[in-house]
Amino acid sequence: MNDWFEAEQLIERAHEHYEHGRWEEAETALREALALNPYRPEWHFNLGLTLEAAGRYAEAARAFKDCYALESDDPQVLLAIGLNLLRCDEVRESIEWFEKAHKADPRNTQSLVRRIEAYTLLGEHEQAEVMFYLSQQQDPHNAEALAAMADSLLARKLTDKAVWCLREAAGYDPSLPGIHSKLAHAYAATGRLERARQLYLRELRSDPGDIDTLLDLGELLAEMNRLGEAGEKFRRVLELEPDNIDAHFQLAELARRENNLTEALEHFDIVLRLDATFPGARRRLAMMLLSAPDAGVREQSSLRVRELLDAELKDVEQEWEHAAGARDQGRPGERGVPAVRAAEDLHELAQVLLDAGRAADAKRVLSRLLQTSTTDIEAMHLFAVACFALGTANDRAAGIEACRGVLRLDPRFVPAIHNMAVAYTQMRQWNRARYWVRQGLRLEPDDAALKRLRMRLRLCVFADLWAGAVFIARALNPMRPERPMHT
C-alpha cells in the first residue's frame, strides 16, 4: 500500500515538473514510480512524452514500446512509436509502426501523413504519392498531408507543384506550424526572393523566437546581398541560443564575403570547437587562410591549412567506404547510412586542394567523384586542371582527354578550351594551340587570358622560326677558321 501511494505521489510530482519544462526531474520521478509499479501503461506513455520533449527520441520510442507491450490497442501509442523512430532516422521501422496504426484506426490520417514524410526521406516518392492520395480520399482538405507532399515535390525540384500544395495547406490551416516558412522556402527556390522574405517575416510575427525561421531568413537576406540585415538575424539567434552552430557558421560566411579575416576566423574557430566535422567549416576556413592578403599570415597558417585539409580528406574517404559498404549490403538509400557528400562540396574541396598546391589529392577526389558522376562538367574541368598542375606526360594526356569530355558535353565551355590551348602550347604543338585559341576567342572575343595566350603563341612561333632560320644559315654557311694573327 505504501509503494502504491509513493508511486502516485511521484507521478503527481512528474506531472508538475513536466508542466514547467523540467524534463530531467520529470524523468527521474517517472522512473522511480515505474520501479515501484512497472505495469501501468500510462506511466510508460508519460515517460515517452517526457523523453520526446527533451529531444531523446530513441529512448522515447523505447518507452512507448513498453507502453505498447502493456496496452496494444491504442493507435496513439503506435503513432508515437513511429514518429520517434522517424525522428531518430529509423525510417524503415517507423513505417512498420505507422502501418500498424493505420490498421488500428483507418480513419486517422496521421499514419498516412507520417508515411508521406518517411517515404520522402527514403527518396521513394511514388510511395509518398500513394499515401497522399489515400489521405486525400479521406480528407481532401488535410493541410498536414499537403505540406508533407510539398516536401516530396521540393526534393524532386517540382517547385511549382510544391508551391500550390503549400498555398492550399496555408489556406486550409493558416496556423499550421511552419507553413509560411515552408512556403517561403519554396518561393525562394523559384527566385521570388522578396515574396519569400515577406512570408518569413509573417512566420516570425506569430513566433518571434523561431530559430529555424530566423536562420532561413538570414540565409535568404544574404542571398539578396542584404548582408547587414542577415547578420542581424544570425546575431538574434545567438542571443536566444549562444552555442547555435549554424548561426556562427553563417556569420563566418558573411565575414568571409566582406573580407573580414579576423571575424571570420573567430566564428569558424567556434564552429570547429562545437563540431569539428561541421559541413563546410574546415574547407571554408582553409580557403580563408589561403586567400589572406598578408603573406605572413598565409605562411604561419600553412600547417593549420594542411591539418584542416587532411581531416577533410579523411572524412571523405570514410564516407566513401561507408557508402560502398551500404551498397554491398543492399541498403544504399536508407537514411542514417552515411552517403557520399554532395558533388558541389567535393568541387569546393578539390578547388581548395588545388589552391593549396595539392594537385595529387585533388585529382584523387575528382577521379572518385567521376566514377559515379560521368557527366559532371565542373568535376571534369577541375580534374583536367589537377592533371595539368601535376605536369607529367601521362597526366597531361589525361587532362586533355578530360577537356575533350567537357567539350563534348558543352562545346561552349571556354575554360576547357583555354586549358587545351595552354596544354598544346606547353607541348609546343603550335597549330593545335592556335586552333583552340581561335575557338575560344570566337566564343569570348574579350577574354583577356586567351588574348594573352595568343600573344604568347605568336612570340613562341616567332622564336622558333628565328631559331630555325639561324640553324639553317649556319648549316649553309659554316664558319671559316680564323687565320692566325701575324706578328
Foldseek 3Di string as FASTA:
>chain_A
DVLQVQLVVLQVVLVVCVVVVNLVSSLVSLVSSCVSPVQDLVSLQVNLVSCVSVVNLVVSLVSLVSSCVNPVLDLVSLLSNLVSCVVVQVLVVSLVSLVVSCVSPVLDLSSLLVNLQSCLLLLNNVSSVVSLVSSCVNPVQQLSSLQSNLSSCVVVVVLVSSLVSLVSSCVSPVPDPCSLQSNLVSCVSVVNLVSSLVSLVVNCVVPVLPLVSLQVNLVSCVVVVVNVVSLVSLVVNCVVPVLPLSSLQVQLVSCVVVLVLVSNVVSLVSNCVVPVPPPPSLLVNLVSQLPNPDPVSVVVCLVVNVVSLVVVLVVQVVLVVQLVVCVVVPHNSRTPRRHRDDPVSLLSSLVSCVSSVNLVSSLVSLVVVCVPVVQPLSSLQSNLVSLVSVPDPVSPVSSLVSLVSSCVNPVLPLSSLLSQLVSVVVVVVLVSNVVSLVSNCVNVVPPPSSVVSVVVSVVVVVVVVVVVVVVVVCVVDPDDDDDDDDD
